Protein backbone atom coordinates (compact mmCIF):
# COMPACT_ATOMS: atom_id res chain seq x y z
CA MET A 1 -32.89 -49.28 -18.18
CA LYS A 2 -32.20 -45.30 -18.46
CA ARG A 3 -33.18 -44.38 -15.51
CA PHE A 4 -30.06 -46.35 -14.30
CA PHE A 5 -28.02 -44.94 -17.06
CA TYR A 6 -29.33 -41.23 -16.16
CA SER A 7 -28.69 -41.63 -12.56
CA ALA A 8 -24.66 -43.42 -12.77
CA ILE A 9 -23.80 -40.07 -14.73
CA PHE A 10 -25.46 -37.91 -12.45
CA LEU A 11 -23.82 -39.50 -9.96
CA PHE A 12 -20.35 -39.69 -11.74
CA PHE A 13 -21.21 -35.52 -12.90
CA ILE A 14 -21.84 -34.77 -8.61
CA SER A 15 -18.63 -36.60 -7.70
CA GLY A 16 -16.64 -34.69 -10.16
CA CYS A 17 -17.69 -31.53 -8.95
CA SER A 18 -16.80 -31.82 -5.45
CA SER A 19 -13.78 -31.55 -3.86
CA ASN A 20 -12.11 -32.43 -0.02
CA ASP A 21 -10.24 -29.12 -0.55
CA THR A 22 -12.65 -26.09 1.07
CA SER A 23 -10.18 -23.42 1.19
CA ALA A 24 -10.49 -20.34 -0.94
CA PRO A 25 -7.84 -19.83 -3.38
CA THR A 26 -4.89 -17.11 -1.78
CA ILE A 27 -5.06 -13.84 -3.95
CA PRO A 28 -1.59 -12.67 -3.67
CA SER A 29 -0.44 -9.45 -1.82
CA THR A 30 1.70 -6.89 -3.39
CA MET A 31 3.32 -4.21 -0.72
CA PRO A 32 4.67 -1.22 -3.17
CA MET A 33 6.91 0.75 -0.78
CA SER A 34 8.21 -2.34 0.30
CA SER A 35 9.31 -4.12 -2.97
CA PHE A 36 10.53 -1.09 -4.70
CA VAL A 37 12.60 -0.42 -1.64
CA GLY A 38 13.92 -3.93 -2.21
CA SER A 39 14.82 -3.64 -5.75
CA LYS A 40 17.64 -1.29 -4.88
CA THR A 41 16.50 0.68 -7.93
CA MET A 42 17.02 4.36 -6.12
CA PRO A 43 18.80 5.01 -3.00
CA ILE A 44 17.50 5.80 0.55
CA TYR A 45 18.26 9.13 2.38
CA LYS A 46 18.37 9.94 6.03
CA TYR A 47 17.34 13.15 7.39
CA ALA A 48 18.16 13.55 11.15
CA GLY A 49 16.47 16.60 12.15
CA SER A 50 12.95 16.59 13.88
CA ASN A 51 9.97 17.26 12.43
CA ASN A 52 6.65 17.37 14.54
CA GLY A 53 3.33 17.08 14.15
CA ALA A 54 3.63 15.45 10.16
CA ALA A 55 2.39 13.66 7.74
CA LEU A 56 4.63 11.49 5.69
CA GLY A 57 3.77 9.48 2.47
CA PHE A 58 2.69 9.38 -1.53
CA GLU A 59 0.61 9.28 -3.89
CA PHE A 60 -0.86 6.44 -6.04
CA LYS A 61 -2.84 5.32 -8.74
CA VAL A 62 -4.39 1.68 -9.89
CA LYS A 63 -5.11 0.82 -13.06
CA ALA A 64 -7.25 -2.37 -11.72
CA ASN A 65 -9.59 -2.24 -9.13
CA ALA A 66 -8.22 -3.96 -6.05
CA PHE A 67 -8.33 -3.87 -2.21
CA VAL A 68 -6.58 -2.68 0.67
CA THR A 69 -5.94 -4.70 3.23
CA GLY A 70 -3.34 -3.74 5.36
CA LEU A 71 -1.29 -0.45 5.97
CA GLY A 72 2.37 -0.03 7.07
CA CYS A 73 5.88 1.99 6.80
CA ALA A 74 9.39 1.69 7.58
CA SER A 75 11.04 4.32 10.51
CA PRO A 76 14.36 4.62 11.94
CA THR A 77 13.15 5.90 15.28
CA VAL A 78 10.61 3.83 17.79
CA GLY A 79 7.28 5.14 18.31
CA THR A 80 3.65 5.43 17.59
CA TYR A 81 2.27 6.70 14.75
CA ASN A 82 -0.77 6.96 13.03
CA LEU A 83 -1.41 5.66 9.18
CA THR A 84 -3.60 7.36 7.49
CA LEU A 85 -5.72 6.72 3.67
CA PHE A 86 -7.25 9.13 1.96
CA GLN A 87 -9.00 9.37 -1.57
CA VAL A 88 -8.29 12.36 -3.66
CA ASP A 89 -10.83 14.59 -4.38
CA SER A 90 -8.72 16.06 -7.48
CA VAL A 91 -11.63 18.79 -8.33
CA ASN A 92 -11.90 20.11 -4.86
CA LYS A 93 -7.63 19.64 -3.55
CA SER A 94 -8.93 17.70 -0.52
CA GLY A 95 -9.27 13.94 0.56
CA LYS A 96 -11.98 12.05 2.17
CA LEU A 97 -9.98 9.51 4.77
CA LEU A 98 -10.68 6.03 3.87
CA THR A 99 -8.72 4.25 7.52
CA THR A 100 -7.15 5.36 10.37
CA THR A 101 -4.90 3.05 12.37
CA PRO A 102 -1.96 2.94 14.59
CA ILE A 103 1.25 1.20 14.56
CA THR A 104 4.18 0.59 16.91
CA ILE A 105 7.85 0.25 15.70
CA GLY A 106 9.84 -1.30 17.97
CA VAL A 107 14.03 -1.21 18.24
CA ALA A 108 13.81 -4.70 16.14
CA ASP A 109 11.81 -2.60 13.53
CA THR A 110 14.09 0.46 12.55
CA ALA A 111 17.02 -2.20 11.27
CA SER A 112 17.48 -1.83 7.73
CA PHE A 113 14.69 -0.46 6.77
CA LYS A 114 12.58 -2.53 7.75
CA PHE A 115 8.58 -2.25 7.00
CA THR A 116 6.06 -3.24 9.78
CA TYR A 117 2.54 -3.87 9.10
CA VAL A 118 -0.93 -3.83 10.41
CA ALA A 119 -3.50 -5.73 8.97
CA LEU A 120 -7.43 -3.57 8.64
CA ALA A 121 -10.52 -5.48 10.19
CA ASN A 122 -12.69 -4.93 6.71
CA LYS A 123 -10.72 -4.23 3.43
CA ILE A 124 -11.22 -1.93 1.29
CA SER A 125 -12.04 -1.26 -2.32
CA ILE A 126 -10.02 1.19 -4.70
CA SER A 127 -11.37 2.34 -8.04
CA LYS A 128 -8.84 2.31 -11.00
CA GLY A 129 -7.86 5.61 -12.22
CA VAL A 130 -8.41 6.73 -8.72
CA TYR A 131 -5.69 8.46 -6.96
CA TYR A 132 -5.14 7.19 -2.71
CA ARG A 133 -2.32 8.97 -0.39
CA ILE A 134 -0.93 6.75 2.36
CA ALA A 135 0.91 8.66 5.08
CA ILE A 136 2.44 7.63 8.31
CA ASN A 137 1.80 10.48 11.07
CA GLY A 138 3.66 11.79 14.09
CA ASP A 139 6.30 13.41 16.20
CA PHE A 140 9.65 12.43 13.82
CA THR A 141 13.33 12.72 15.52
CA ALA A 142 14.93 11.20 11.83
CA TYR A 143 12.87 9.38 8.93
CA ASP A 144 14.15 8.27 6.11
CA TYR A 145 12.99 9.22 2.13
CA LEU A 146 13.83 8.40 -1.17
CA THR A 147 14.99 10.69 -4.40
CA PHE A 148 13.72 10.71 -7.77
CA PRO A 149 15.61 12.46 -10.83
CA THR A 150 13.49 14.59 -12.70
CA GLY A 151 13.75 14.08 -17.15
CA ASN A 152 14.59 10.27 -17.05
CA GLN A 153 12.75 6.73 -16.94
CA MET A 154 13.04 7.15 -13.01
CA SER A 155 10.87 10.49 -12.42
CA LEU A 156 7.45 9.73 -11.31
CA PRO A 157 4.72 8.91 -11.98
CA LEU A 158 6.09 5.63 -12.13
CA PRO A 159 4.59 2.07 -12.20
CA LEU A 160 5.85 -0.29 -9.73
CA PRO A 161 9.09 -2.52 -11.42
CA THR A 162 7.19 -6.12 -10.20
CA ASN A 163 3.57 -4.74 -10.95
CA SER A 164 2.77 -2.43 -13.64
CA LYS A 165 -0.98 -2.18 -11.93
CA PHE A 166 0.16 -0.05 -9.23
CA ILE A 167 1.61 3.66 -10.04
CA PHE A 168 3.36 5.92 -7.51
CA THR A 169 2.53 9.44 -9.05
CA ASN A 170 4.18 11.68 -6.01
CA GLY A 171 5.70 12.31 -2.57
CA VAL A 172 3.22 13.74 0.18
CA ALA A 173 3.45 15.72 2.73
CA GLY A 174 1.23 17.85 5.43
CA TYR A 175 0.01 18.07 8.95
CA ALA A 176 -0.36 15.17 11.10
CA ASN A 177 -3.92 13.08 11.29
CA GLN A 178 -4.73 15.84 8.06
CA TYR A 179 -4.63 14.90 4.33
CA PRO A 180 -1.09 15.37 2.84
CA ASP A 181 -1.58 18.69 0.27
CA THR A 182 1.67 19.07 -0.27
CA GLU A 183 3.34 17.33 -3.63
CA PHE A 184 6.75 16.08 -4.11
CA SER A 185 7.65 15.57 -7.60
CA THR A 186 10.88 13.70 -6.83
CA TYR A 187 11.01 12.56 -2.94
CA MET A 188 8.93 9.52 -1.69
CA PHE A 189 8.38 8.68 2.11
CA PRO A 190 8.01 5.33 3.71
CA ALA A 191 4.74 4.31 4.17
CA ASP A 192 2.92 1.73 2.68
CA VAL A 193 -0.26 -0.07 2.16
CA VAL A 194 -1.20 -4.23 1.58
CA ILE A 195 -2.87 -4.03 -1.81
CA GLN A 196 -4.90 -7.20 -3.30
CA PHE A 197 -6.01 -7.38 -7.52
CA PRO A 198 -8.43 -9.86 -7.77
């Protein structure tokens, strides 16, 4: 009788733990620059002049370990660009390239500050408190940018309004496909990352 009782409990326990749903839980993704632009918190300005062989983007850090699963950008002109993600070496004022990927912007992608993304083949771990820089690289006949005032609540560094784990720290620029070593405290450019916080 005892054997039957324990067997029944064991079978009940096993059946209670099993499930027909074998899919993994979905982790929400954050596209910080796209979300920030969508919030219409800051005005967007257009630069109509050309800028050849440039890297334009922003620096950020996270308040919790996370993964980058994709890169993206918005561009008012068609073309093929290169997206780069660097980890910042603050001591040596340099950066370590974590990934690079091409992206093609078509006519439909240039309307109304639309962001286009490329998924990474392998997600990249990023660490709490470490600085990173994302940039769009190429020859620009025009580009968009955001301007941040100094000395008020909208000054950089600035948390993402919809996710306080993500902090915009600076706008960055440099030579195409190199570490973007110029910092701006009042400008940011529309490159983007796709981030998952586990």
